[in-house]
Amino acid sequence: MFDWQDIDTVLLDMDGTLLDLAYDNHFWLEHIPTLYAHTQNLPIMEARDFIQTAMAAVAGKLDWYCIDYWSNLLEIDISHQTQMTSSQVALRPFVHEFLSYAKSLSKRLLLVTNAHHHVLSAKMSAIELRPYFDAVVTSHDYGSAKESERFWQQLQRHHPFNPQSTVLIDDNEEVLYAAERYGIAHTITLRQPDSKQVARLCTRYAAIHHFDELIHSAQ
């Protein structure tokens, strides 16, 4: 997939990459629709349909990831709900081992996520990963989702990196496509971002099941 000797900077996504996406899928597909149905006195299927339609309308845009947007639309304190359920957040296998290994090679590690600041804070309170990273960046810092070229331009401006010696690991292939177009030479996705769903057999980009594959490939 890549030779560690060719890498200076490792960019890592959070949800579905370092953290199991099962939490987010349950939160947005079950927990929030159930709460919305209760507060609006709606049948659960009607609540789910409304939320899924609303999500489709902003897919790939910053609003999709903005809990302020969803709090206003659904009249639910999403930040509070995130804090209340953060104990359900789970780390994907071999994450600590991979991060420790990359640091032992003196690689520069940046966490780059679309998560809202409140979501990031709640999840890092549950599973603290910040000490591994040279910087933690959310797309909300730049006003553009990672699917946008502007995000990568702003990341380069604030945290200069050489695209040719950078690897991005992200479960979202639209994000990987945007990074590839920007010039990032090495892109890797995850076969099973959600541990409760079937692993993806076909991916546009080189894929791993767990992070130990990247450690073993370099030894």
N, C-alpha and C. Protein backbone atom coordinates (compact mmCIF):
# COMPACT_ATOMS: atom_id res chain seq x y z
N MET A 1 0.83 -1.21 0.00
CA MET A 1 0.00 0.00 0.00
C MET A 1 0.86 1.26 0.00
N PHE A 2 1.88 1.25 0.88
CA PHE A 2 2.87 2.32 0.88
C PHE A 2 4.07 1.84 1.65
N ASP A 3 5.18 2.50 1.39
CA ASP A 3 6.42 2.22 2.12
C ASP A 3 6.58 3.31 3.17
N TRP A 4 6.74 2.89 4.42
CA TRP A 4 6.86 3.87 5.50
C TRP A 4 7.98 4.86 5.23
N GLN A 5 9.02 4.45 4.52
CA GLN A 5 10.14 5.36 4.22
C GLN A 5 9.72 6.52 3.33
N ASP A 6 8.61 6.33 2.62
CA ASP A 6 8.12 7.38 1.72
C ASP A 6 7.16 8.34 2.40
N ILE A 7 6.85 8.10 3.66
CA ILE A 7 5.81 8.85 4.37
C ILE A 7 6.40 9.78 5.42
N ASP A 8 5.99 11.04 5.36
CA ASP A 8 6.34 12.01 6.41
C ASP A 8 5.13 12.30 7.30
N THR A 9 3.94 12.38 6.67
CA THR A 9 2.73 12.81 7.38
C THR A 9 1.64 11.76 7.23
N VAL A 10 1.00 11.44 8.35
CA VAL A 10 -0.12 10.51 8.37
C VAL A 10 -1.37 11.28 8.79
N LEU A 11 -2.34 11.34 7.89
CA LEU A 11 -3.63 11.99 8.17
C LEU A 11 -4.64 10.91 8.49
N LEU A 12 -5.33 11.04 9.60
CA LEU A 12 -6.27 10.00 10.04
C LEU A 12 -7.64 10.60 10.32
N ASP A 13 -8.65 9.99 9.75
CA ASP A 13 -10.04 10.30 10.06
C ASP A 13 -10.37 9.73 11.45
N MET A 14 -11.51 10.14 12.01
CA MET A 14 -11.90 9.63 13.32
C MET A 14 -13.01 8.58 13.20
N ASP A 15 -14.23 8.99 12.85
CA ASP A 15 -15.39 8.10 12.87
C ASP A 15 -15.35 7.12 11.69
N GLY A 16 -15.37 5.84 12.01
CA GLY A 16 -15.30 4.81 10.98
C GLY A 16 -13.88 4.44 10.61
N THR A 17 -12.92 5.17 11.18
CA THR A 17 -11.50 4.90 10.92
C THR A 17 -10.80 4.53 12.22
N LEU A 18 -10.67 5.48 13.12
CA LEU A 18 -10.12 5.18 14.44
C LEU A 18 -11.20 4.65 15.38
N LEU A 19 -12.42 5.16 15.22
CA LEU A 19 -13.54 4.75 16.07
C LEU A 19 -14.55 3.95 15.26
N ASP A 20 -15.15 2.99 15.91
CA ASP A 20 -16.16 2.13 15.28
C ASP A 20 -17.38 2.98 14.88
N LEU A 21 -17.75 2.89 13.62
CA LEU A 21 -18.89 3.67 13.11
C LEU A 21 -20.22 3.14 13.62
N ALA A 22 -20.21 2.02 14.30
CA ALA A 22 -21.45 1.45 14.84
C ALA A 22 -22.14 2.44 15.77
N TYR A 23 -21.35 3.17 16.55
CA TYR A 23 -21.95 4.16 17.45
C TYR A 23 -22.71 5.21 16.67
N ASP A 24 -22.07 5.81 15.66
CA ASP A 24 -22.70 6.89 14.89
C ASP A 24 -23.94 6.40 14.14
N ASN A 25 -23.84 5.21 13.55
CA ASN A 25 -25.00 4.68 12.83
C ASN A 25 -26.18 4.44 13.76
N HIS A 26 -25.90 3.91 14.94
CA HIS A 26 -26.99 3.71 15.91
C HIS A 26 -27.54 5.06 16.37
N PHE A 27 -26.65 6.00 16.63
CA PHE A 27 -27.06 7.32 17.13
C PHE A 27 -27.99 8.00 16.14
N TRP A 28 -27.60 8.03 14.85
CA TRP A 28 -28.36 8.79 13.85
C TRP A 28 -29.50 8.00 13.21
N LEU A 29 -29.39 6.69 13.19
CA LEU A 29 -30.43 5.88 12.53
C LEU A 29 -31.45 5.30 13.50
N GLU A 30 -31.09 5.27 14.80
CA GLU A 30 -32.00 4.70 15.80
C GLU A 30 -32.31 5.68 16.93
N HIS A 31 -31.27 6.13 17.62
CA HIS A 31 -31.47 6.95 18.82
C HIS A 31 -32.17 8.28 18.51
N ILE A 32 -31.64 9.05 17.59
CA ILE A 32 -32.22 10.35 17.28
C ILE A 32 -33.60 10.23 16.62
N PRO A 33 -33.81 9.32 15.65
CA PRO A 33 -35.17 9.17 15.11
C PRO A 33 -36.19 8.77 16.17
N THR A 34 -35.80 7.92 17.10
CA THR A 34 -36.72 7.52 18.17
C THR A 34 -37.07 8.71 19.05
N LEU A 35 -36.07 9.50 19.39
CA LEU A 35 -36.30 10.68 20.21
C LEU A 35 -37.14 11.71 19.46
N TYR A 36 -36.85 11.89 18.17
CA TYR A 36 -37.63 12.83 17.36
C TYR A 36 -39.08 12.39 17.24
N ALA A 37 -39.29 11.10 17.04
CA ALA A 37 -40.65 10.58 16.96
C ALA A 37 -41.40 10.85 18.26
N HIS A 38 -40.72 10.68 19.38
CA HIS A 38 -41.35 10.90 20.69
C HIS A 38 -41.69 12.38 20.90
N THR A 39 -40.73 13.26 20.60
CA THR A 39 -40.95 14.68 20.87
C THR A 39 -41.96 15.31 19.91
N GLN A 40 -42.05 14.75 18.70
CA GLN A 40 -42.97 15.30 17.69
C GLN A 40 -44.26 14.50 17.58
N ASN A 41 -44.38 13.46 18.40
CA ASN A 41 -45.57 12.60 18.37
C ASN A 41 -45.81 12.03 16.97
N LEU A 42 -44.74 11.43 16.42
CA LEU A 42 -44.80 10.86 15.07
C LEU A 42 -44.57 9.36 15.13
N PRO A 43 -45.06 8.62 14.15
CA PRO A 43 -44.68 7.21 14.02
C PRO A 43 -43.18 7.14 13.75
N ILE A 44 -42.52 6.12 14.25
CA ILE A 44 -41.07 6.03 14.12
C ILE A 44 -40.62 6.01 12.66
N MET A 45 -41.37 5.32 11.78
CA MET A 45 -40.97 5.27 10.38
C MET A 45 -41.05 6.64 9.73
N GLU A 46 -42.05 7.43 10.10
CA GLU A 46 -42.18 8.78 9.56
C GLU A 46 -41.01 9.65 10.03
N ALA A 47 -40.63 9.47 11.28
CA ALA A 47 -39.50 10.23 11.82
C ALA A 47 -38.21 9.85 11.10
N ARG A 48 -37.99 8.56 10.88
CA ARG A 48 -36.80 8.11 10.18
C ARG A 48 -36.76 8.65 8.75
N ASP A 49 -37.90 8.58 8.07
CA ASP A 49 -37.96 9.06 6.69
C ASP A 49 -37.64 10.55 6.61
N PHE A 50 -38.17 11.32 7.56
CA PHE A 50 -37.92 12.76 7.56
C PHE A 50 -36.43 13.05 7.74
N ILE A 51 -35.80 12.38 8.69
CA ILE A 51 -34.39 12.61 8.97
C ILE A 51 -33.51 12.15 7.81
N GLN A 52 -33.82 11.00 7.24
CA GLN A 52 -33.02 10.50 6.13
C GLN A 52 -33.14 11.40 4.90
N THR A 53 -34.33 11.93 4.65
CA THR A 53 -34.52 12.86 3.54
C THR A 53 -33.74 14.15 3.78
N ALA A 54 -33.79 14.63 5.01
CA ALA A 54 -33.05 15.85 5.36
C ALA A 54 -31.55 15.63 5.23
N MET A 55 -31.07 14.44 5.61
CA MET A 55 -29.64 14.13 5.48
C MET A 55 -29.22 14.07 4.01
N ALA A 56 -30.05 13.46 3.19
CA ALA A 56 -29.72 13.35 1.77
C ALA A 56 -29.58 14.73 1.12
N ALA A 57 -30.34 15.70 1.63
CA ALA A 57 -30.32 17.04 1.05
C ALA A 57 -29.01 17.78 1.31
N VAL A 58 -28.28 17.37 2.36
CA VAL A 58 -27.03 18.07 2.70
C VAL A 58 -25.83 17.13 2.69
N ALA A 59 -25.96 15.98 2.06
CA ALA A 59 -24.87 15.00 2.02
C ALA A 59 -23.61 15.61 1.41
N GLY A 60 -22.47 15.38 2.08
CA GLY A 60 -21.20 15.88 1.59
C GLY A 60 -20.92 17.33 1.93
N LYS A 61 -21.89 18.00 2.55
CA LYS A 61 -21.72 19.40 2.93
C LYS A 61 -21.49 19.51 4.43
N LEU A 62 -21.01 20.65 4.87
CA LEU A 62 -20.68 20.82 6.28
C LEU A 62 -21.90 20.66 7.17
N ASP A 63 -23.09 21.08 6.69
CA ASP A 63 -24.30 20.94 7.51
C ASP A 63 -24.58 19.49 7.87
N TRP A 64 -24.17 18.56 7.03
CA TRP A 64 -24.39 17.13 7.31
C TRP A 64 -23.73 16.75 8.63
N TYR A 65 -22.62 17.41 8.94
CA TYR A 65 -21.84 17.08 10.12
C TYR A 65 -22.05 18.07 11.27
N CYS A 66 -22.92 19.05 11.07
CA CYS A 66 -23.07 20.15 12.03
C CYS A 66 -24.21 19.87 13.00
N ILE A 67 -23.89 19.65 14.26
CA ILE A 67 -24.94 19.34 15.23
C ILE A 67 -25.80 20.56 15.54
N ASP A 68 -25.28 21.77 15.32
CA ASP A 68 -26.12 22.96 15.49
C ASP A 68 -27.24 22.96 14.44
N TYR A 69 -26.89 22.58 13.23
CA TYR A 69 -27.88 22.49 12.14
C TYR A 69 -28.99 21.50 12.51
N TRP A 70 -28.58 20.31 13.00
CA TRP A 70 -29.56 19.28 13.31
C TRP A 70 -30.34 19.60 14.59
N SER A 71 -29.70 20.26 15.52
CA SER A 71 -30.41 20.67 16.74
C SER A 71 -31.54 21.64 16.40
N ASN A 72 -31.25 22.58 15.51
CA ASN A 72 -32.27 23.56 15.10
C ASN A 72 -33.37 22.90 14.29
N LEU A 73 -32.99 22.02 13.37
CA LEU A 73 -33.98 21.40 12.50
C LEU A 73 -34.90 20.45 13.27
N LEU A 74 -34.33 19.66 14.17
CA LEU A 74 -35.09 18.62 14.87
C LEU A 74 -35.60 19.06 16.23
N GLU A 75 -35.16 20.24 16.67
CA GLU A 75 -35.53 20.76 17.99
C GLU A 75 -35.12 19.77 19.09
N ILE A 76 -33.89 19.26 18.94
CA ILE A 76 -33.29 18.33 19.90
C ILE A 76 -31.88 18.84 20.22
N ASP A 77 -31.50 18.79 21.48
CA ASP A 77 -30.15 19.19 21.86
C ASP A 77 -29.20 18.04 21.53
N ILE A 78 -28.67 18.06 20.31
CA ILE A 78 -27.82 16.97 19.84
C ILE A 78 -26.53 16.89 20.65
N SER A 79 -26.00 18.03 21.03
CA SER A 79 -24.78 18.03 21.84
C SER A 79 -24.99 17.29 23.15
N HIS A 80 -26.11 17.54 23.79
CA HIS A 80 -26.43 16.85 25.05
C HIS A 80 -26.58 15.35 24.81
N GLN A 81 -27.26 14.99 23.73
CA GLN A 81 -27.45 13.57 23.42
C GLN A 81 -26.12 12.88 23.15
N THR A 82 -25.20 13.59 22.51
CA THR A 82 -23.87 13.03 22.26
C THR A 82 -23.13 12.78 23.56
N GLN A 83 -23.21 13.75 24.46
CA GLN A 83 -22.55 13.60 25.76
C GLN A 83 -23.17 12.45 26.56
N MET A 84 -24.48 12.32 26.49
CA MET A 84 -25.19 11.28 27.25
C MET A 84 -24.86 9.88 26.76
N THR A 85 -24.50 9.75 25.49
CA THR A 85 -24.27 8.43 24.90
C THR A 85 -22.80 8.14 24.61
N SER A 86 -21.91 9.04 24.99
CA SER A 86 -20.50 8.91 24.61
C SER A 86 -19.83 7.66 25.18
N SER A 87 -20.40 7.10 26.24
CA SER A 87 -19.82 5.87 26.81
C SER A 87 -19.94 4.69 25.84
N GLN A 88 -20.78 4.83 24.80
CA GLN A 88 -20.95 3.77 23.82
C GLN A 88 -19.92 3.83 22.69
N VAL A 89 -19.12 4.89 22.66
CA VAL A 89 -18.08 5.04 21.64
C VAL A 89 -17.03 3.95 21.83
N ALA A 90 -16.62 3.33 20.74
CA ALA A 90 -15.65 2.23 20.83
C ALA A 90 -14.51 2.44 19.84
N LEU A 91 -13.33 2.07 20.28
CA LEU A 91 -12.13 2.15 19.45
C LEU A 91 -12.07 0.94 18.51
N ARG A 92 -11.61 1.16 17.30
CA ARG A 92 -11.41 0.04 16.39
C ARG A 92 -10.15 -0.73 16.80
N PRO A 93 -10.05 -2.00 16.39
CA PRO A 93 -8.90 -2.81 16.81
C PRO A 93 -7.56 -2.27 16.32
N PHE A 94 -6.55 -2.43 17.17
CA PHE A 94 -5.14 -2.12 16.87
C PHE A 94 -4.86 -0.64 16.63
N VAL A 95 -5.77 0.23 17.05
CA VAL A 95 -5.54 1.67 16.84
C VAL A 95 -4.37 2.16 17.68
N HIS A 96 -4.37 1.83 18.96
CA HIS A 96 -3.27 2.28 19.83
C HIS A 96 -1.93 1.75 19.31
N GLU A 97 -1.92 0.51 18.89
CA GLU A 97 -0.69 -0.10 18.39
C GLU A 97 -0.19 0.61 17.13
N PHE A 98 -1.11 0.93 16.24
CA PHE A 98 -0.73 1.61 15.01
C PHE A 98 -0.21 3.02 15.29
N LEU A 99 -0.92 3.77 16.12
CA LEU A 99 -0.50 5.13 16.43
C LEU A 99 0.86 5.14 17.13
N SER A 100 1.04 4.21 18.04
CA SER A 100 2.33 4.11 18.74
C SER A 100 3.45 3.77 17.77
N TYR A 101 3.15 2.86 16.83
CA TYR A 101 4.16 2.47 15.85
C TYR A 101 4.53 3.65 14.95
N ALA A 102 3.53 4.37 14.46
CA ALA A 102 3.80 5.53 13.60
C ALA A 102 4.61 6.59 14.34
N LYS A 103 4.29 6.81 15.61
CA LYS A 103 5.06 7.77 16.40
C LYS A 103 6.50 7.30 16.60
N SER A 104 6.67 5.97 16.76
CA SER A 104 8.03 5.43 16.95
C SER A 104 8.90 5.65 15.72
N LEU A 105 8.24 5.83 14.56
CA LEU A 105 8.97 6.11 13.32
C LEU A 105 9.14 7.61 13.08
N SER A 106 8.72 8.39 14.07
CA SER A 106 8.82 9.87 14.00
C SER A 106 7.99 10.45 12.88
N LYS A 107 6.85 9.82 12.61
CA LYS A 107 5.94 10.36 11.60
C LYS A 107 5.08 11.45 12.23
N ARG A 108 4.72 12.42 11.44
CA ARG A 108 3.83 13.49 11.89
C ARG A 108 2.39 12.99 11.74
N LEU A 109 1.62 13.05 12.83
CA LEU A 109 0.26 12.53 12.83
C LEU A 109 -0.73 13.68 13.01
N LEU A 110 -1.70 13.76 12.10
CA LEU A 110 -2.76 14.75 12.19
C LEU A 110 -4.11 14.04 12.17
N LEU A 111 -4.95 14.35 13.12
CA LEU A 111 -6.33 13.87 13.10
C LEU A 111 -7.14 14.89 12.32
N VAL A 112 -7.77 14.44 11.23
CA VAL A 112 -8.58 15.33 10.39
C VAL A 112 -9.98 14.74 10.30
N THR A 113 -10.94 15.44 10.87
CA THR A 113 -12.28 14.90 10.99
C THR A 113 -13.33 15.92 10.56
N ASN A 114 -14.47 15.42 10.12
CA ASN A 114 -15.62 16.28 9.83
C ASN A 114 -16.48 16.49 11.08
N ALA A 115 -16.13 15.86 12.18
CA ALA A 115 -16.95 15.93 13.38
C ALA A 115 -17.00 17.36 13.93
N HIS A 116 -18.16 17.73 14.43
CA HIS A 116 -18.35 19.02 15.10
C HIS A 116 -17.50 19.05 16.36
N HIS A 117 -17.10 20.25 16.78
CA HIS A 117 -16.24 20.38 17.96
C HIS A 117 -16.84 19.69 19.20
N HIS A 118 -18.15 19.82 19.40
CA HIS A 118 -18.78 19.20 20.57
C HIS A 118 -18.73 17.68 20.49
N VAL A 119 -18.91 17.15 19.29
CA VAL A 119 -18.84 15.70 19.09
C VAL A 119 -17.41 15.22 19.32
N LEU A 120 -16.46 15.94 18.76
CA LEU A 120 -15.05 15.61 18.95
C LEU A 120 -14.69 15.60 20.43
N SER A 121 -15.13 16.61 21.15
CA SER A 121 -14.82 16.71 22.57
C SER A 121 -15.43 15.55 23.35
N ALA A 122 -16.69 15.22 23.06
CA ALA A 122 -17.36 14.13 23.76
C ALA A 122 -16.66 12.80 23.51
N LYS A 123 -16.26 12.57 22.28
CA LYS A 123 -15.62 11.30 21.94
C LYS A 123 -14.20 11.21 22.50
N MET A 124 -13.49 12.32 22.49
CA MET A 124 -12.14 12.30 23.04
C MET A 124 -12.17 12.20 24.57
N SER A 125 -13.29 12.62 25.18
CA SER A 125 -13.44 12.42 26.63
C SER A 125 -13.65 10.95 26.95
N ALA A 126 -14.31 10.25 26.01
CA ALA A 126 -14.56 8.81 26.21
C ALA A 126 -13.33 7.99 25.88
N ILE A 127 -12.64 8.35 24.80
CA ILE A 127 -11.44 7.63 24.36
C ILE A 127 -10.40 8.67 23.97
N GLU A 128 -9.48 8.96 24.84
CA GLU A 128 -8.51 10.03 24.61
C GLU A 128 -7.40 9.60 23.66
N LEU A 129 -7.39 10.22 22.50
CA LEU A 129 -6.35 9.93 21.50
C LEU A 129 -5.48 11.14 21.19
N ARG A 130 -5.82 12.29 21.73
CA ARG A 130 -5.11 13.53 21.39
C ARG A 130 -3.60 13.45 21.59
N PRO A 131 -3.11 12.80 22.65
CA PRO A 131 -1.65 12.81 22.86
C PRO A 131 -0.84 12.21 21.70
N TYR A 132 -1.47 11.38 20.89
CA TYR A 132 -0.76 10.80 19.76
C TYR A 132 -0.52 11.81 18.64
N PHE A 133 -1.35 12.86 18.59
CA PHE A 133 -1.39 13.71 17.40
C PHE A 133 -0.64 15.02 17.57
N ASP A 134 0.01 15.42 16.47
CA ASP A 134 0.67 16.72 16.43
C ASP A 134 -0.35 17.84 16.28
N ALA A 135 -1.50 17.52 15.71
CA ALA A 135 -2.59 18.50 15.60
C ALA A 135 -3.91 17.75 15.42
N VAL A 136 -4.97 18.34 15.92
CA VAL A 136 -6.32 17.81 15.74
C VAL A 136 -7.13 18.87 14.99
N VAL A 137 -7.64 18.51 13.82
CA VAL A 137 -8.31 19.46 12.94
C VAL A 137 -9.71 18.96 12.63
N THR A 138 -10.69 19.83 12.78
CA THR A 138 -12.04 19.52 12.32
C THR A 138 -12.39 20.43 11.16
N SER A 139 -13.15 19.94 10.23
CA SER A 139 -13.54 20.74 9.06
C SER A 139 -14.31 21.99 9.46
N HIS A 140 -14.91 21.98 10.66
CA HIS A 140 -15.63 23.15 11.14
C HIS A 140 -14.68 24.31 11.42
N ASP A 141 -13.40 24.01 11.60
CA ASP A 141 -12.39 25.07 11.75
C ASP A 141 -12.28 25.89 10.47
N TYR A 142 -12.53 25.25 9.33
CA TYR A 142 -12.31 25.89 8.03
C TYR A 142 -13.60 26.22 7.29
N GLY A 143 -14.74 25.81 7.83
CA GLY A 143 -16.01 26.11 7.17
C GLY A 143 -16.28 25.31 5.92
N SER A 144 -15.54 24.21 5.74
CA SER A 144 -15.73 23.36 4.56
C SER A 144 -15.49 21.91 4.94
N ALA A 145 -16.36 21.03 4.46
CA ALA A 145 -16.21 19.60 4.74
C ALA A 145 -15.01 19.04 3.99
N LYS A 146 -14.52 17.90 4.44
CA LYS A 146 -13.35 17.27 3.80
C LYS A 146 -13.63 16.85 2.37
N GLU A 147 -14.90 16.76 1.99
CA GLU A 147 -15.25 16.44 0.62
C GLU A 147 -14.96 17.61 -0.33
N SER A 148 -14.66 18.77 0.23
CA SER A 148 -14.41 19.98 -0.55
C SER A 148 -12.91 20.24 -0.72
N GLU A 149 -12.53 20.73 -1.88
CA GLU A 149 -11.12 21.08 -2.12
C GLU A 149 -10.66 22.17 -1.15
N ARG A 150 -11.57 23.05 -0.78
CA ARG A 150 -11.20 24.15 0.10
C ARG A 150 -10.68 23.64 1.44
N PHE A 151 -11.21 22.53 1.93
CA PHE A 151 -10.70 21.98 3.19
C PHE A 151 -9.21 21.69 3.07
N TRP A 152 -8.81 21.03 1.98
CA TRP A 152 -7.42 20.62 1.82
C TRP A 152 -6.51 21.83 1.60
N GLN A 153 -7.04 22.84 0.94
CA GLN A 153 -6.29 24.08 0.78
C GLN A 153 -6.03 24.73 2.13
N GLN A 154 -7.07 24.75 2.97
CA GLN A 154 -6.94 25.36 4.30
C GLN A 154 -6.04 24.52 5.21
N LEU A 155 -6.14 23.20 5.09
CA LEU A 155 -5.27 22.35 5.88
C LEU A 155 -3.81 22.60 5.52
N GLN A 156 -3.56 22.71 4.23
CA GLN A 156 -2.19 23.00 3.77
C GLN A 156 -1.71 24.35 4.28
N ARG A 157 -2.59 25.31 4.31
CA ARG A 157 -2.23 26.65 4.78
C ARG A 157 -1.89 26.65 6.27
N HIS A 158 -2.67 25.94 7.07
CA HIS A 158 -2.48 25.98 8.51
C HIS A 158 -1.50 24.93 9.04
N HIS A 159 -1.41 23.80 8.32
CA HIS A 159 -0.51 22.71 8.72
C HIS A 159 0.21 22.20 7.48
N PRO A 160 1.18 22.94 6.96
CA PRO A 160 1.83 22.60 5.69
C PRO A 160 2.33 21.16 5.66
N PHE A 161 2.06 20.49 4.54
CA PHE A 161 2.50 19.11 4.35
C PHE A 161 2.82 18.89 2.88
N ASN A 162 3.63 17.89 2.63
CA ASN A 162 3.97 17.52 1.26
C ASN A 162 3.01 16.44 0.80
N PRO A 163 2.10 16.71 -0.12
CA PRO A 163 1.12 15.72 -0.55
C PRO A 163 1.74 14.41 -1.03
N GLN A 164 2.93 14.49 -1.62
CA GLN A 164 3.57 13.30 -2.18
C GLN A 164 4.10 12.36 -1.09
N SER A 165 4.34 12.89 0.09
CA SER A 165 4.82 12.04 1.19
C SER A 165 3.80 11.95 2.32
N THR A 166 2.53 12.05 1.94
CA THR A 166 1.43 12.02 2.91
C THR A 166 0.50 10.85 2.61
N VAL A 167 0.02 10.19 3.65
CA VAL A 167 -1.00 9.16 3.51
C VAL A 167 -2.24 9.59 4.28
N LEU A 168 -3.40 9.43 3.67
CA LEU A 168 -4.68 9.68 4.31
C LEU A 168 -5.41 8.36 4.48
N ILE A 169 -5.85 8.07 5.70
CA ILE A 169 -6.65 6.88 5.98
C ILE A 169 -8.03 7.34 6.42
N ASP A 170 -9.05 6.97 5.65
CA ASP A 170 -10.40 7.49 5.87
C ASP A 170 -11.41 6.48 5.33
N ASP A 171 -12.50 6.27 6.03
CA ASP A 171 -13.51 5.31 5.57
C ASP A 171 -14.41 5.89 4.49
N ASN A 172 -14.40 7.21 4.32
CA ASN A 172 -15.27 7.89 3.36
C ASN A 172 -14.56 8.04 2.03
N GLU A 173 -15.02 7.34 1.01
CA GLU A 173 -14.31 7.37 -0.27
C GLU A 173 -14.50 8.68 -1.02
N GLU A 174 -15.54 9.44 -0.71
CA GLU A 174 -15.68 10.77 -1.32
C GLU A 174 -14.61 11.70 -0.77
N VAL A 175 -14.29 11.54 0.50
CA VAL A 175 -13.21 12.32 1.11
C VAL A 175 -11.87 11.92 0.48
N LEU A 176 -11.65 10.63 0.31
CA LEU A 176 -10.42 10.15 -0.31
C LEU A 176 -10.29 10.68 -1.74
N TYR A 177 -11.39 10.75 -2.44
CA TYR A 177 -11.38 11.25 -3.81
C TYR A 177 -10.98 12.72 -3.85
N ALA A 178 -11.53 13.50 -2.90
CA ALA A 178 -11.18 14.92 -2.82
C ALA A 178 -9.70 15.10 -2.50
N ALA A 179 -9.20 14.27 -1.58
CA ALA A 179 -7.78 14.34 -1.21
C ALA A 179 -6.90 13.93 -2.38
N GLU A 180 -7.32 12.91 -3.11
CA GLU A 180 -6.57 12.44 -4.27
C GLU A 180 -6.49 13.54 -5.33
N ARG A 181 -7.61 14.21 -5.57
CA ARG A 181 -7.63 15.30 -6.54
C ARG A 181 -6.72 16.44 -6.11
N TYR A 182 -6.60 16.63 -4.80
CA TYR A 182 -5.72 17.69 -4.29
C TYR A 182 -4.26 17.32 -4.48
N GLY A 183 -3.99 16.02 -4.60
CA GLY A 183 -2.62 15.59 -4.86
C GLY A 183 -2.01 14.68 -3.82
N ILE A 184 -2.81 14.30 -2.80
CA ILE A 184 -2.29 13.39 -1.78
C ILE A 184 -2.04 12.03 -2.44
N ALA A 185 -0.81 11.57 -2.33
CA ALA A 185 -0.36 10.42 -3.12
C ALA A 185 -0.84 9.08 -2.59
N HIS A 186 -1.03 8.97 -1.28
CA HIS A 186 -1.35 7.68 -0.68
C HIS A 186 -2.70 7.76 0.04
N THR A 187 -3.63 6.90 -0.37
CA THR A 187 -4.98 6.92 0.20
C THR A 187 -5.41 5.50 0.53
N ILE A 188 -5.94 5.33 1.73
CA ILE A 188 -6.37 4.00 2.19
C ILE A 188 -7.73 4.12 2.85
N THR A 189 -8.59 3.14 2.61
CA THR A 189 -9.90 3.12 3.24
C THR A 189 -10.04 1.90 4.15
N LEU A 190 -11.20 1.77 4.77
CA LEU A 190 -11.48 0.68 5.70
C LEU A 190 -12.54 -0.25 5.12
N ARG A 191 -12.33 -1.55 5.27
CA ARG A 191 -13.31 -2.50 4.75
C ARG A 191 -14.56 -2.59 5.62
N GLN A 192 -14.41 -2.35 6.92
CA GLN A 192 -15.56 -2.52 7.82
C GLN A 192 -15.60 -1.38 8.84
N PRO A 193 -15.98 -0.18 8.41
CA PRO A 193 -16.03 0.95 9.33
C PRO A 193 -16.97 0.72 10.51
N ASP A 194 -18.07 0.01 10.25
CA ASP A 194 -19.06 -0.34 11.27
C ASP A 194 -18.93 -1.83 11.55
N SER A 195 -18.53 -2.17 12.77
CA SER A 195 -18.29 -3.58 13.12
C SER A 195 -19.55 -4.42 13.09
N LYS A 196 -20.72 -3.78 13.07
CA LYS A 196 -21.98 -4.51 13.06
C LYS A 196 -22.52 -4.72 11.65
N GLN A 197 -21.82 -4.20 10.66
CA GLN A 197 -22.23 -4.37 9.27
C GLN A 197 -21.23 -5.26 8.53
N VAL A 198 -21.67 -5.77 7.41
CA VAL A 198 -20.82 -6.65 6.59
C VAL A 198 -19.67 -5.85 6.00
N ALA A 199 -18.50 -6.44 5.96
CA ALA A 199 -17.33 -5.78 5.40
C ALA A 199 -17.52 -5.52 3.91
N ARG A 200 -16.98 -4.42 3.43
CA ARG A 200 -17.05 -4.07 2.02
C ARG A 200 -16.05 -4.91 1.23
N LEU A 201 -16.51 -5.57 0.20
CA LEU A 201 -15.63 -6.40 -0.61
C LEU A 201 -14.98 -5.60 -1.73
N CYS A 202 -15.70 -4.61 -2.24
CA CYS A 202 -15.18 -3.79 -3.34
C CYS A 202 -15.04 -2.35 -2.89
N THR A 203 -13.85 -1.81 -3.00
CA THR A 203 -13.60 -0.41 -2.65
C THR A 203 -12.81 0.24 -3.77
N ARG A 204 -13.01 1.54 -3.91
CA ARG A 204 -12.30 2.30 -4.94
C ARG A 204 -10.82 2.42 -4.62
N TYR A 205 -10.51 2.39 -3.32
CA TYR A 205 -9.14 2.60 -2.87
C TYR A 205 -8.61 1.37 -2.15
N ALA A 206 -7.30 1.30 -2.02
CA ALA A 206 -6.69 0.22 -1.24
C ALA A 206 -7.34 0.21 0.14
N ALA A 207 -7.62 -0.99 0.66
CA ALA A 207 -8.39 -1.10 1.89
C ALA A 207 -7.75 -2.05 2.88
N ILE A 208 -7.96 -1.74 4.16
CA ILE A 208 -7.53 -2.61 5.24
C ILE A 208 -8.74 -2.99 6.08
N HIS A 209 -8.63 -4.10 6.76
CA HIS A 209 -9.68 -4.49 7.70
C HIS A 209 -9.36 -3.89 9.07
N HIS A 210 -8.11 -4.09 9.52
CA HIS A 210 -7.66 -3.51 10.79
C HIS A 210 -6.27 -2.90 10.61
N PHE A 211 -5.88 -2.07 11.55
CA PHE A 211 -4.63 -1.32 11.45
C PHE A 211 -3.38 -2.18 11.59
N ASP A 212 -3.51 -3.37 12.14
CA ASP A 212 -2.33 -4.21 12.26
C ASP A 212 -1.75 -4.57 10.90
N GLU A 213 -2.58 -4.52 9.86
CA GLU A 213 -2.10 -4.81 8.51
C GLU A 213 -1.04 -3.81 8.05
N LEU A 214 -1.17 -2.58 8.50
CA LEU A 214 -0.21 -1.55 8.11
C LEU A 214 1.08 -1.67 8.92
N ILE A 215 0.96 -2.20 10.12
CA ILE A 215 2.17 -2.42 10.92
C ILE A 215 2.95 -3.59 10.34
N HIS A 216 2.24 -4.68 10.08
CA HIS A 216 2.89 -5.90 9.59
C HIS A 216 3.49 -5.68 8.19
N SER A 217 2.84 -4.87 7.39
CA SER A 217 3.33 -4.66 6.02
C SER A 217 4.66 -3.92 6.01
N ALA A 218 4.96 -3.23 7.11
CA ALA A 218 6.17 -2.44 7.17
C ALA A 218 7.31 -3.14 7.87
N GLN A 219 7.06 -4.36 8.34
CA GLN A 219 8.09 -5.09 9.10
C GLN A 219 8.69 -6.23 8.30
